[in-house]
Amino acid sequence: MKQPYDTTELRETIAAHANAIELGDGAAGEKFVAGNAIDAYRQAAAEIARLAKPVEVETLALAKIGAQYISKIKIVGAERHRRVLYRWRKEADGKWRIAGVEDTTDKRSSWSDVPDLAGAIAQVREENGNA
């Protein structure tokens, strides 16, 4: 019997996605992405593609946030690396898909570009048109 937070299937999906990154197989990597996240995914993938080969992927963390999970991975090339957060959600068809991507390579944390709460609220209001 599966436990409520059994992550076996998700971890297998993350490993398959990491393998696609290591192989440099962009088409295989994109199969894991939900449509709304494809642009952010491609932007991060373009930066990853610039890494000198061989590339190795290291899983750093997995955290549950609400109904979704965040995986943090480090992609290491011969001279440089990238750190990327992938937000995973389970789709209606039962498959895990990447619903969001954030390259955190040049940040101390994923909150580094949020100056303060007031600034964050103003930024969200500007982006979605709320007054």
N, C-alpha and C. Protein backbone atom coordinates (compact mmCIF):
# COMPACT_ATOMS: atom_id res chain seq x y z
N MET A 1 0.83 -1.18 0.00
CA MET A 1 0.00 0.00 0.00
C MET A 1 0.88 1.25 0.00
N LYS A 2 0.53 2.22 -0.87
CA LYS A 2 1.29 3.46 -0.93
C LYS A 2 0.95 4.36 0.25
N GLN A 3 1.96 4.99 0.79
CA GLN A 3 1.77 5.97 1.85
C GLN A 3 1.31 7.28 1.19
N PRO A 4 0.67 8.19 1.95
CA PRO A 4 0.17 9.44 1.36
C PRO A 4 1.26 10.26 0.68
N TYR A 5 2.48 10.22 1.19
CA TYR A 5 3.55 11.02 0.62
C TYR A 5 4.66 10.14 0.05
N ASP A 6 4.30 9.03 -0.53
CA ASP A 6 5.27 8.14 -1.15
C ASP A 6 5.82 8.85 -2.40
N THR A 7 7.10 9.11 -2.40
CA THR A 7 7.72 9.86 -3.50
C THR A 7 8.50 8.97 -4.47
N THR A 8 8.32 7.66 -4.36
CA THR A 8 9.08 6.74 -5.21
C THR A 8 8.90 7.06 -6.69
N GLU A 9 7.67 7.19 -7.12
CA GLU A 9 7.37 7.45 -8.53
C GLU A 9 7.95 8.80 -8.96
N LEU A 10 7.81 9.80 -8.13
CA LEU A 10 8.36 11.12 -8.44
C LEU A 10 9.88 11.05 -8.53
N ARG A 11 10.52 10.40 -7.58
CA ARG A 11 11.99 10.29 -7.60
C ARG A 11 12.47 9.56 -8.86
N GLU A 12 11.74 8.57 -9.31
CA GLU A 12 12.09 7.87 -10.55
C GLU A 12 11.96 8.82 -11.75
N THR A 13 10.92 9.65 -11.74
CA THR A 13 10.72 10.62 -12.82
C THR A 13 11.83 11.66 -12.81
N ILE A 14 12.20 12.14 -11.62
CA ILE A 14 13.29 13.12 -11.51
C ILE A 14 14.59 12.51 -12.01
N ALA A 15 14.84 11.25 -11.69
CA ALA A 15 16.06 10.57 -12.15
C ALA A 15 16.06 10.43 -13.68
N ALA A 16 14.92 10.12 -14.26
CA ALA A 16 14.84 10.00 -15.72
C ALA A 16 15.07 11.36 -16.38
N HIS A 17 14.53 12.41 -15.78
CA HIS A 17 14.76 13.76 -16.29
C HIS A 17 16.23 14.13 -16.17
N ALA A 18 16.85 13.83 -15.04
CA ALA A 18 18.28 14.10 -14.85
C ALA A 18 19.11 13.37 -15.89
N ASN A 19 18.72 12.15 -16.21
CA ASN A 19 19.44 11.38 -17.22
C ASN A 19 19.36 12.06 -18.59
N ALA A 20 18.18 12.61 -18.92
CA ALA A 20 18.04 13.33 -20.19
C ALA A 20 18.97 14.55 -20.22
N ILE A 21 19.09 15.24 -19.08
CA ILE A 21 19.99 16.39 -19.00
C ILE A 21 21.43 15.94 -19.20
N GLU A 22 21.84 14.88 -18.50
CA GLU A 22 23.21 14.38 -18.63
C GLU A 22 23.55 13.99 -20.06
N LEU A 23 22.58 13.42 -20.76
CA LEU A 23 22.79 13.00 -22.15
C LEU A 23 22.71 14.16 -23.13
N GLY A 24 22.25 15.33 -22.65
CA GLY A 24 22.09 16.47 -23.54
C GLY A 24 20.93 16.30 -24.49
N ASP A 25 19.94 15.50 -24.10
CA ASP A 25 18.78 15.20 -24.94
C ASP A 25 17.64 16.16 -24.61
N GLY A 26 17.63 17.31 -25.27
CA GLY A 26 16.62 18.33 -25.00
C GLY A 26 15.20 17.88 -25.26
N ALA A 27 15.00 17.11 -26.32
CA ALA A 27 13.65 16.63 -26.64
C ALA A 27 13.13 15.71 -25.54
N ALA A 28 13.99 14.83 -25.05
CA ALA A 28 13.58 13.93 -23.96
C ALA A 28 13.30 14.72 -22.69
N GLY A 29 14.10 15.75 -22.42
CA GLY A 29 13.89 16.57 -21.24
C GLY A 29 12.56 17.32 -21.30
N GLU A 30 12.22 17.83 -22.46
CA GLU A 30 10.98 18.59 -22.61
C GLU A 30 9.73 17.74 -22.43
N LYS A 31 9.83 16.44 -22.57
CA LYS A 31 8.67 15.56 -22.36
C LYS A 31 8.19 15.58 -20.92
N PHE A 32 9.02 16.07 -20.01
CA PHE A 32 8.66 16.13 -18.60
C PHE A 32 7.99 17.46 -18.23
N VAL A 33 7.86 18.38 -19.18
CA VAL A 33 7.44 19.74 -18.88
C VAL A 33 5.98 19.98 -19.24
N ALA A 34 5.23 20.58 -18.30
CA ALA A 34 3.87 21.02 -18.58
C ALA A 34 3.95 22.24 -19.49
N GLY A 35 2.95 22.42 -20.33
CA GLY A 35 2.96 23.48 -21.33
C GLY A 35 3.21 24.87 -20.78
N ASN A 36 2.67 25.18 -19.62
CA ASN A 36 2.82 26.52 -19.07
C ASN A 36 4.25 26.83 -18.62
N ALA A 37 5.09 25.84 -18.49
CA ALA A 37 6.45 26.04 -17.99
C ALA A 37 7.51 25.91 -19.08
N ILE A 38 7.10 25.71 -20.32
CA ILE A 38 8.06 25.39 -21.37
C ILE A 38 9.06 26.53 -21.64
N ASP A 39 8.62 27.78 -21.59
CA ASP A 39 9.55 28.88 -21.87
C ASP A 39 10.64 28.97 -20.80
N ALA A 40 10.25 28.91 -19.54
CA ALA A 40 11.23 28.95 -18.45
C ALA A 40 12.15 27.74 -18.52
N TYR A 41 11.59 26.59 -18.88
CA TYR A 41 12.39 25.37 -19.00
C TYR A 41 13.45 25.54 -20.09
N ARG A 42 13.03 26.04 -21.23
CA ARG A 42 13.96 26.22 -22.36
C ARG A 42 15.05 27.23 -22.04
N GLN A 43 14.70 28.27 -21.30
CA GLN A 43 15.70 29.25 -20.91
C GLN A 43 16.77 28.62 -20.02
N ALA A 44 16.35 27.84 -19.02
CA ALA A 44 17.30 27.15 -18.14
C ALA A 44 18.09 26.11 -18.93
N ALA A 45 17.42 25.40 -19.83
CA ALA A 45 18.08 24.37 -20.64
C ALA A 45 19.16 24.97 -21.54
N ALA A 46 18.91 26.18 -22.04
CA ALA A 46 19.91 26.84 -22.88
C ALA A 46 21.18 27.14 -22.08
N GLU A 47 21.01 27.55 -20.84
CA GLU A 47 22.18 27.80 -19.97
C GLU A 47 22.90 26.49 -19.65
N ILE A 48 22.15 25.45 -19.41
CA ILE A 48 22.75 24.14 -19.12
C ILE A 48 23.53 23.64 -20.34
N ALA A 49 22.99 23.88 -21.53
CA ALA A 49 23.64 23.42 -22.76
C ALA A 49 24.99 24.09 -22.99
N ARG A 50 25.20 25.24 -22.37
CA ARG A 50 26.48 25.95 -22.52
C ARG A 50 27.59 25.36 -21.65
N LEU A 51 27.24 24.47 -20.74
CA LEU A 51 28.26 23.85 -19.89
C LEU A 51 29.13 22.92 -20.72
N ALA A 52 30.43 22.94 -20.44
CA ALA A 52 31.36 22.06 -21.14
C ALA A 52 31.08 20.61 -20.73
N LYS A 53 31.16 19.73 -21.69
CA LYS A 53 30.91 18.31 -21.44
C LYS A 53 32.15 17.65 -20.84
N PRO A 54 32.05 16.59 -20.11
CA PRO A 54 30.83 15.89 -19.76
C PRO A 54 30.06 16.64 -18.66
N VAL A 55 28.76 16.38 -18.60
CA VAL A 55 27.88 17.00 -17.62
C VAL A 55 27.42 15.93 -16.64
N GLU A 56 27.41 16.29 -15.37
CA GLU A 56 26.93 15.38 -14.32
C GLU A 56 25.83 16.09 -13.55
N VAL A 57 24.77 15.36 -13.24
CA VAL A 57 23.64 15.94 -12.50
C VAL A 57 23.62 15.35 -11.10
N GLU A 58 23.51 16.25 -10.12
CA GLU A 58 23.47 15.85 -8.72
C GLU A 58 22.16 16.35 -8.12
N THR A 59 21.37 15.45 -7.54
CA THR A 59 20.14 15.85 -6.87
C THR A 59 20.50 16.36 -5.48
N LEU A 60 20.11 17.60 -5.19
CA LEU A 60 20.45 18.22 -3.92
C LEU A 60 19.33 18.13 -2.89
N ALA A 61 18.07 18.28 -3.34
CA ALA A 61 16.97 18.32 -2.37
C ALA A 61 15.64 18.02 -3.04
N LEU A 62 14.68 17.61 -2.22
CA LEU A 62 13.30 17.42 -2.65
C LEU A 62 12.43 17.84 -1.49
N ALA A 63 11.49 18.75 -1.74
CA ALA A 63 10.62 19.25 -0.68
C ALA A 63 9.19 19.32 -1.17
N LYS A 64 8.26 19.00 -0.28
CA LYS A 64 6.83 19.09 -0.60
C LYS A 64 6.33 20.45 -0.16
N ILE A 65 5.68 21.15 -1.09
CA ILE A 65 5.08 22.44 -0.79
C ILE A 65 3.65 22.38 -1.32
N GLY A 66 2.71 22.24 -0.40
CA GLY A 66 1.32 22.07 -0.80
C GLY A 66 1.17 20.75 -1.54
N ALA A 67 0.54 20.80 -2.71
CA ALA A 67 0.33 19.58 -3.50
C ALA A 67 1.49 19.34 -4.47
N GLN A 68 2.45 20.26 -4.50
CA GLN A 68 3.56 20.13 -5.44
C GLN A 68 4.86 19.86 -4.70
N TYR A 69 5.87 19.48 -5.48
CA TYR A 69 7.20 19.22 -4.94
C TYR A 69 8.21 20.08 -5.67
N ILE A 70 9.25 20.47 -4.95
CA ILE A 70 10.36 21.21 -5.53
C ILE A 70 11.58 20.32 -5.48
N SER A 71 12.22 20.11 -6.64
CA SER A 71 13.49 19.39 -6.65
C SER A 71 14.58 20.41 -6.99
N LYS A 72 15.67 20.31 -6.28
CA LYS A 72 16.82 21.18 -6.53
C LYS A 72 17.94 20.30 -7.03
N ILE A 73 18.48 20.66 -8.20
CA ILE A 73 19.57 19.88 -8.76
C ILE A 73 20.74 20.78 -9.12
N LYS A 74 21.89 20.19 -9.16
CA LYS A 74 23.11 20.88 -9.56
C LYS A 74 23.63 20.16 -10.80
N ILE A 75 23.85 20.93 -11.86
CA ILE A 75 24.36 20.37 -13.10
C ILE A 75 25.79 20.88 -13.24
N VAL A 76 26.73 19.96 -13.24
CA VAL A 76 28.15 20.32 -13.22
C VAL A 76 28.78 19.99 -14.57
N GLY A 77 29.41 21.00 -15.16
CA GLY A 77 30.18 20.81 -16.38
C GLY A 77 31.66 20.79 -16.03
N ALA A 78 32.50 20.79 -17.02
CA ALA A 78 33.94 20.70 -16.79
C ALA A 78 34.49 21.88 -15.99
N GLU A 79 33.94 23.09 -16.19
CA GLU A 79 34.48 24.26 -15.51
C GLU A 79 33.45 25.06 -14.72
N ARG A 80 32.19 24.88 -15.00
CA ARG A 80 31.13 25.66 -14.35
C ARG A 80 29.98 24.74 -13.96
N HIS A 81 28.99 25.34 -13.28
CA HIS A 81 27.82 24.57 -12.90
C HIS A 81 26.58 25.46 -12.96
N ARG A 82 25.42 24.84 -12.88
CA ARG A 82 24.13 25.53 -12.77
C ARG A 82 23.37 24.87 -11.62
N ARG A 83 22.60 25.65 -10.87
CA ARG A 83 21.69 25.12 -9.85
C ARG A 83 20.28 25.51 -10.28
N VAL A 84 19.39 24.52 -10.36
CA VAL A 84 18.05 24.77 -10.87
C VAL A 84 17.01 24.13 -9.95
N LEU A 85 15.93 24.89 -9.71
CA LEU A 85 14.78 24.37 -8.98
C LEU A 85 13.71 24.00 -10.01
N TYR A 86 13.16 22.80 -9.88
CA TYR A 86 12.05 22.36 -10.73
C TYR A 86 10.86 22.11 -9.82
N ARG A 87 9.72 22.72 -10.16
CA ARG A 87 8.49 22.51 -9.41
C ARG A 87 7.69 21.44 -10.14
N TRP A 88 7.41 20.34 -9.44
CA TRP A 88 6.73 19.18 -10.03
C TRP A 88 5.29 19.09 -9.51
N ARG A 89 4.39 18.73 -10.41
CA ARG A 89 3.01 18.45 -10.01
C ARG A 89 2.53 17.20 -10.73
N LYS A 90 1.61 16.51 -10.08
CA LYS A 90 1.04 15.31 -10.68
C LYS A 90 -0.17 15.73 -11.52
N GLU A 91 -0.15 15.37 -12.77
CA GLU A 91 -1.21 15.75 -13.70
C GLU A 91 -2.40 14.79 -13.59
N ALA A 92 -3.49 15.15 -14.24
CA ALA A 92 -4.71 14.32 -14.21
C ALA A 92 -4.47 12.93 -14.79
N ASP A 93 -3.50 12.82 -15.72
CA ASP A 93 -3.19 11.52 -16.31
C ASP A 93 -2.28 10.67 -15.42
N GLY A 94 -1.94 11.20 -14.23
CA GLY A 94 -1.12 10.47 -13.28
C GLY A 94 0.38 10.65 -13.46
N LYS A 95 0.79 11.41 -14.47
CA LYS A 95 2.22 11.62 -14.71
C LYS A 95 2.71 12.88 -13.99
N TRP A 96 3.95 12.82 -13.54
CA TRP A 96 4.59 13.98 -12.93
C TRP A 96 5.14 14.87 -14.03
N ARG A 97 4.85 16.16 -13.93
CA ARG A 97 5.31 17.14 -14.92
C ARG A 97 5.95 18.33 -14.20
N ILE A 98 6.89 18.95 -14.88
CA ILE A 98 7.53 20.16 -14.37
C ILE A 98 6.56 21.32 -14.63
N ALA A 99 6.16 21.99 -13.55
CA ALA A 99 5.21 23.09 -13.64
C ALA A 99 5.88 24.44 -13.48
N GLY A 100 7.14 24.45 -13.12
CA GLY A 100 7.88 25.71 -12.96
C GLY A 100 9.36 25.43 -12.89
N VAL A 101 10.15 26.41 -13.31
CA VAL A 101 11.60 26.28 -13.34
C VAL A 101 12.22 27.59 -12.88
N GLU A 102 13.23 27.48 -12.02
CA GLU A 102 13.98 28.68 -11.61
C GLU A 102 15.45 28.33 -11.52
N ASP A 103 16.25 29.05 -12.30
CA ASP A 103 17.70 28.89 -12.25
C ASP A 103 18.19 29.75 -11.08
N THR A 104 18.74 29.12 -10.07
CA THR A 104 19.21 29.83 -8.87
C THR A 104 20.73 29.89 -8.79
N THR A 105 21.40 29.68 -9.90
CA THR A 105 22.85 29.62 -9.93
C THR A 105 23.51 30.84 -9.30
N ASP A 106 23.04 32.01 -9.64
CA ASP A 106 23.68 33.24 -9.18
C ASP A 106 22.98 33.86 -7.97
N LYS A 107 22.18 33.07 -7.27
CA LYS A 107 21.46 33.57 -6.10
C LYS A 107 21.90 32.83 -4.85
N ARG A 108 21.90 33.53 -3.74
CA ARG A 108 22.14 32.85 -2.47
C ARG A 108 20.99 31.92 -2.15
N SER A 109 19.77 32.34 -2.50
CA SER A 109 18.57 31.52 -2.32
C SER A 109 17.56 31.93 -3.37
N SER A 110 16.48 31.18 -3.47
CA SER A 110 15.46 31.54 -4.45
C SER A 110 14.72 32.81 -4.06
N TRP A 111 14.94 33.30 -2.84
CA TRP A 111 14.32 34.54 -2.37
C TRP A 111 15.25 35.74 -2.57
N SER A 112 16.44 35.54 -3.10
CA SER A 112 17.43 36.62 -3.19
C SER A 112 16.96 37.81 -4.02
N ASP A 113 16.12 37.60 -5.01
CA ASP A 113 15.68 38.72 -5.84
C ASP A 113 14.42 39.39 -5.32
N VAL A 114 13.94 39.00 -4.15
CA VAL A 114 12.80 39.64 -3.52
C VAL A 114 13.34 40.54 -2.41
N PRO A 115 13.34 41.86 -2.60
CA PRO A 115 13.98 42.75 -1.65
C PRO A 115 13.31 42.79 -0.28
N ASP A 116 11.99 42.76 -0.25
CA ASP A 116 11.25 42.76 1.01
C ASP A 116 9.80 42.43 0.70
N LEU A 117 8.99 42.27 1.73
CA LEU A 117 7.60 41.89 1.53
C LEU A 117 6.85 42.94 0.71
N ALA A 118 7.02 44.20 1.03
CA ALA A 118 6.33 45.26 0.31
C ALA A 118 6.73 45.25 -1.17
N GLY A 119 8.02 45.06 -1.43
CA GLY A 119 8.49 44.98 -2.81
C GLY A 119 7.91 43.79 -3.55
N ALA A 120 7.82 42.67 -2.85
CA ALA A 120 7.25 41.46 -3.47
C ALA A 120 5.78 41.66 -3.80
N ILE A 121 5.03 42.27 -2.88
CA ILE A 121 3.60 42.53 -3.12
C ILE A 121 3.44 43.46 -4.32
N ALA A 122 4.26 44.53 -4.37
CA ALA A 122 4.18 45.46 -5.48
C ALA A 122 4.50 44.77 -6.80
N GLN A 123 5.50 43.89 -6.79
CA GLN A 123 5.88 43.18 -8.00
C GLN A 123 4.74 42.28 -8.49
N VAL A 124 4.11 41.56 -7.59
CA VAL A 124 3.01 40.67 -7.97
C VAL A 124 1.84 41.49 -8.50
N ARG A 125 1.53 42.58 -7.83
CA ARG A 125 0.42 43.42 -8.29
C ARG A 125 0.69 43.98 -9.68
N GLU A 126 1.91 44.37 -9.95
CA GLU A 126 2.27 44.89 -11.26
C GLU A 126 2.14 43.81 -12.32
N GLU A 127 2.58 42.60 -12.00
CA GLU A 127 2.56 41.50 -12.97
C GLU A 127 1.15 41.05 -13.31
N ASN A 128 0.24 41.08 -12.32
CA ASN A 128 -1.10 40.54 -12.61
C ASN A 128 -2.16 41.65 -12.74
N GLY A 129 -1.74 42.91 -12.71
CA GLY A 129 -2.66 44.00 -12.96
C GLY A 129 -3.54 44.39 -11.78
N ASN A 130 -3.27 43.88 -10.59
CA ASN A 130 -4.06 44.27 -9.43
C ASN A 130 -3.60 45.61 -8.90
N ALA A 131 -4.54 46.38 -8.43
CA ALA A 131 -4.21 47.70 -7.86
C ALA A 131 -3.81 47.60 -6.42
